[in-house]
Amino acid sequence: MSFKDPVCGKRMNRGKAHITIEFEGVNYFLCCPQCQAQFERSPKTFAKPELGEKARKVQHYPVKQHN
């Protein structure tokens, strides 16, 4: 499945993204440091859920302390 960089519009596969950023429950795939910087400066400008993938909830388990 390919995704569209919300900043520049470039299409890419998940594994080819420079970085994945989660914003408001959606993962956005960005192609380069420049797009990353623009997204991070103004995420609400670029965040459109249809361009990303719903973020999966990660279940955290307590870590056992060893004495």
N, C-alpha and C. Protein backbone atom coordinates (compact mmCIF):
# COMPACT_ATOMS: atom_id res chain seq x y z
N MET A 1 0.85 -1.19 0.00
CA MET A 1 0.00 0.00 0.00
C MET A 1 0.89 1.24 0.00
N SER A 2 0.53 2.22 -0.79
CA SER A 2 1.33 3.44 -0.81
C SER A 2 0.57 4.56 -0.10
N PHE A 3 1.35 5.50 0.39
CA PHE A 3 0.81 6.64 1.11
C PHE A 3 1.34 7.91 0.47
N LYS A 4 0.62 9.00 0.68
CA LYS A 4 0.99 10.29 0.11
C LYS A 4 1.58 11.17 1.21
N ASP A 5 2.77 11.72 0.95
CA ASP A 5 3.37 12.68 1.88
C ASP A 5 2.41 13.88 1.96
N PRO A 6 1.92 14.22 3.15
CA PRO A 6 0.94 15.31 3.26
C PRO A 6 1.51 16.69 2.95
N VAL A 7 2.83 16.82 2.91
CA VAL A 7 3.43 18.13 2.65
C VAL A 7 3.65 18.33 1.15
N CYS A 8 4.37 17.40 0.50
CA CYS A 8 4.72 17.59 -0.92
C CYS A 8 3.88 16.77 -1.89
N GLY A 9 3.15 15.77 -1.37
CA GLY A 9 2.29 14.96 -2.22
C GLY A 9 2.96 13.74 -2.85
N LYS A 10 4.24 13.52 -2.55
CA LYS A 10 4.94 12.37 -3.12
C LYS A 10 4.34 11.07 -2.57
N ARG A 11 4.16 10.08 -3.46
CA ARG A 11 3.66 8.77 -3.04
C ARG A 11 4.84 7.87 -2.70
N MET A 12 4.66 7.07 -1.64
CA MET A 12 5.73 6.15 -1.24
C MET A 12 5.15 4.98 -0.48
N ASN A 13 5.89 3.90 -0.43
CA ASN A 13 5.52 2.76 0.40
C ASN A 13 5.95 3.07 1.82
N ARG A 14 5.29 2.45 2.77
CA ARG A 14 5.56 2.67 4.20
C ARG A 14 7.05 2.53 4.50
N GLY A 15 7.70 1.51 3.97
CA GLY A 15 9.10 1.24 4.26
C GLY A 15 10.07 2.24 3.65
N LYS A 16 9.64 3.03 2.70
CA LYS A 16 10.51 4.01 2.04
C LYS A 16 10.42 5.40 2.65
N ALA A 17 9.53 5.59 3.61
CA ALA A 17 9.36 6.91 4.22
C ALA A 17 10.60 7.29 5.03
N HIS A 18 10.94 8.57 5.00
CA HIS A 18 12.04 9.11 5.82
C HIS A 18 11.70 8.95 7.29
N ILE A 19 10.44 9.26 7.63
CA ILE A 19 9.98 9.19 9.02
C ILE A 19 8.46 9.04 9.03
N THR A 20 7.96 8.44 10.08
CA THR A 20 6.53 8.35 10.31
C THR A 20 6.22 9.15 11.57
N ILE A 21 5.26 10.04 11.47
CA ILE A 21 4.88 10.88 12.61
C ILE A 21 3.42 10.60 12.94
N GLU A 22 3.16 10.34 14.22
CA GLU A 22 1.78 10.17 14.65
C GLU A 22 1.24 11.51 15.11
N PHE A 23 0.08 11.88 14.60
CA PHE A 23 -0.58 13.12 15.00
C PHE A 23 -2.07 12.85 15.10
N GLU A 24 -2.63 13.09 16.27
CA GLU A 24 -4.06 12.91 16.54
C GLU A 24 -4.56 11.54 16.08
N GLY A 25 -3.79 10.49 16.41
CA GLY A 25 -4.21 9.13 16.14
C GLY A 25 -4.02 8.63 14.73
N VAL A 26 -3.30 9.39 13.90
CA VAL A 26 -3.04 9.00 12.52
C VAL A 26 -1.54 9.04 12.27
N ASN A 27 -1.01 8.00 11.60
CA ASN A 27 0.40 7.98 11.21
C ASN A 27 0.54 8.63 9.84
N TYR A 28 1.44 9.60 9.75
CA TYR A 28 1.74 10.27 8.48
C TYR A 28 3.14 9.89 8.05
N PHE A 29 3.30 9.59 6.76
CA PHE A 29 4.58 9.15 6.20
C PHE A 29 5.18 10.31 5.41
N LEU A 30 6.37 10.73 5.82
CA LEU A 30 7.02 11.88 5.21
C LEU A 30 8.27 11.44 4.48
N CYS A 31 8.54 12.06 3.32
CA CYS A 31 9.59 11.58 2.43
C CYS A 31 10.99 12.10 2.73
N CYS A 32 11.12 13.22 3.43
CA CYS A 32 12.45 13.81 3.61
C CYS A 32 12.47 14.73 4.83
N PRO A 33 13.67 15.13 5.26
CA PRO A 33 13.78 16.02 6.42
C PRO A 33 13.06 17.36 6.24
N GLN A 34 13.03 17.88 5.02
CA GLN A 34 12.37 19.16 4.77
C GLN A 34 10.86 19.05 5.01
N CYS A 35 10.26 17.96 4.50
CA CYS A 35 8.82 17.77 4.73
C CYS A 35 8.54 17.51 6.20
N GLN A 36 9.43 16.79 6.85
CA GLN A 36 9.30 16.54 8.29
C GLN A 36 9.28 17.86 9.05
N ALA A 37 10.21 18.75 8.74
CA ALA A 37 10.30 20.04 9.44
C ALA A 37 9.04 20.87 9.21
N GLN A 38 8.53 20.90 7.98
CA GLN A 38 7.32 21.67 7.69
C GLN A 38 6.12 21.09 8.44
N PHE A 39 6.00 19.76 8.43
CA PHE A 39 4.89 19.12 9.13
C PHE A 39 4.96 19.41 10.62
N GLU A 40 6.15 19.29 11.20
CA GLU A 40 6.30 19.52 12.65
C GLU A 40 6.02 20.96 13.04
N ARG A 41 6.32 21.92 12.16
CA ARG A 41 6.05 23.33 12.45
C ARG A 41 4.55 23.63 12.46
N SER A 42 3.82 22.94 11.59
CA SER A 42 2.40 23.26 11.46
C SER A 42 1.59 22.01 11.10
N PRO A 43 1.51 21.06 12.02
CA PRO A 43 0.85 19.79 11.67
C PRO A 43 -0.62 19.93 11.27
N LYS A 44 -1.34 20.86 11.87
CA LYS A 44 -2.76 21.01 11.54
C LYS A 44 -2.97 21.48 10.10
N THR A 45 -1.98 22.14 9.53
CA THR A 45 -2.07 22.58 8.15
C THR A 45 -2.03 21.40 7.19
N PHE A 46 -1.24 20.39 7.53
CA PHE A 46 -1.00 19.27 6.62
C PHE A 46 -1.75 17.99 6.97
N ALA A 47 -2.18 17.85 8.21
CA ALA A 47 -2.80 16.60 8.67
C ALA A 47 -4.18 16.42 8.07
N LYS A 48 -4.31 15.41 7.25
CA LYS A 48 -5.58 15.01 6.67
C LYS A 48 -5.65 13.49 6.84
N PRO A 49 -6.55 13.00 7.67
CA PRO A 49 -6.57 11.56 7.97
C PRO A 49 -6.57 10.64 6.75
N GLU A 50 -7.16 11.08 5.65
CA GLU A 50 -7.20 10.22 4.46
C GLU A 50 -5.81 10.03 3.83
N LEU A 51 -4.83 10.86 4.20
CA LEU A 51 -3.47 10.72 3.68
C LEU A 51 -2.60 9.82 4.53
N GLY A 52 -3.09 9.44 5.70
CA GLY A 52 -2.29 8.61 6.60
C GLY A 52 -2.93 7.28 6.88
N GLU A 53 -2.49 6.70 7.96
CA GLU A 53 -2.97 5.39 8.38
C GLU A 53 -3.32 5.49 9.86
N LYS A 54 -4.47 4.98 10.24
CA LYS A 54 -4.87 5.03 11.64
C LYS A 54 -3.79 4.37 12.50
N ALA A 55 -3.35 5.07 13.53
CA ALA A 55 -2.31 4.55 14.41
C ALA A 55 -2.86 3.41 15.24
N ARG A 56 -2.06 2.40 15.40
CA ARG A 56 -2.46 1.27 16.24
C ARG A 56 -2.13 1.60 17.68
N LYS A 57 -3.01 1.18 18.56
CA LYS A 57 -2.73 1.37 19.98
C LYS A 57 -1.69 0.35 20.41
N VAL A 58 -0.70 0.82 21.10
CA VAL A 58 0.35 -0.06 21.61
C VAL A 58 0.01 -0.37 23.06
N GLN A 59 -0.03 -1.64 23.37
CA GLN A 59 -0.33 -2.02 24.74
C GLN A 59 0.97 -2.12 25.51
N HIS A 60 1.02 -1.42 26.62
CA HIS A 60 2.22 -1.43 27.46
C HIS A 60 1.99 -2.38 28.63
N TYR A 61 2.98 -3.20 28.87
CA TYR A 61 2.93 -4.14 29.98
C TYR A 61 3.91 -3.67 31.05
N PRO A 62 3.55 -3.86 32.31
CA PRO A 62 4.47 -3.44 33.38
C PRO A 62 5.77 -4.26 33.31
N VAL A 63 6.86 -3.60 33.59
CA VAL A 63 8.16 -4.26 33.58
C VAL A 63 8.43 -4.77 34.98
N LYS A 64 8.81 -6.04 35.05
CA LYS A 64 9.13 -6.64 36.34
C LYS A 64 10.49 -6.16 36.80
N GLN A 65 10.56 -5.71 38.01
CA GLN A 65 11.82 -5.26 38.59
C GLN A 65 12.55 -6.45 39.18
N HIS A 66 13.79 -6.62 38.80
CA HIS A 66 14.62 -7.69 39.37
C HIS A 66 15.47 -7.12 40.48
N ASN A 67 15.48 -7.76 41.63
CA ASN A 67 16.27 -7.30 42.77
C ASN A 67 17.60 -7.97 42.82
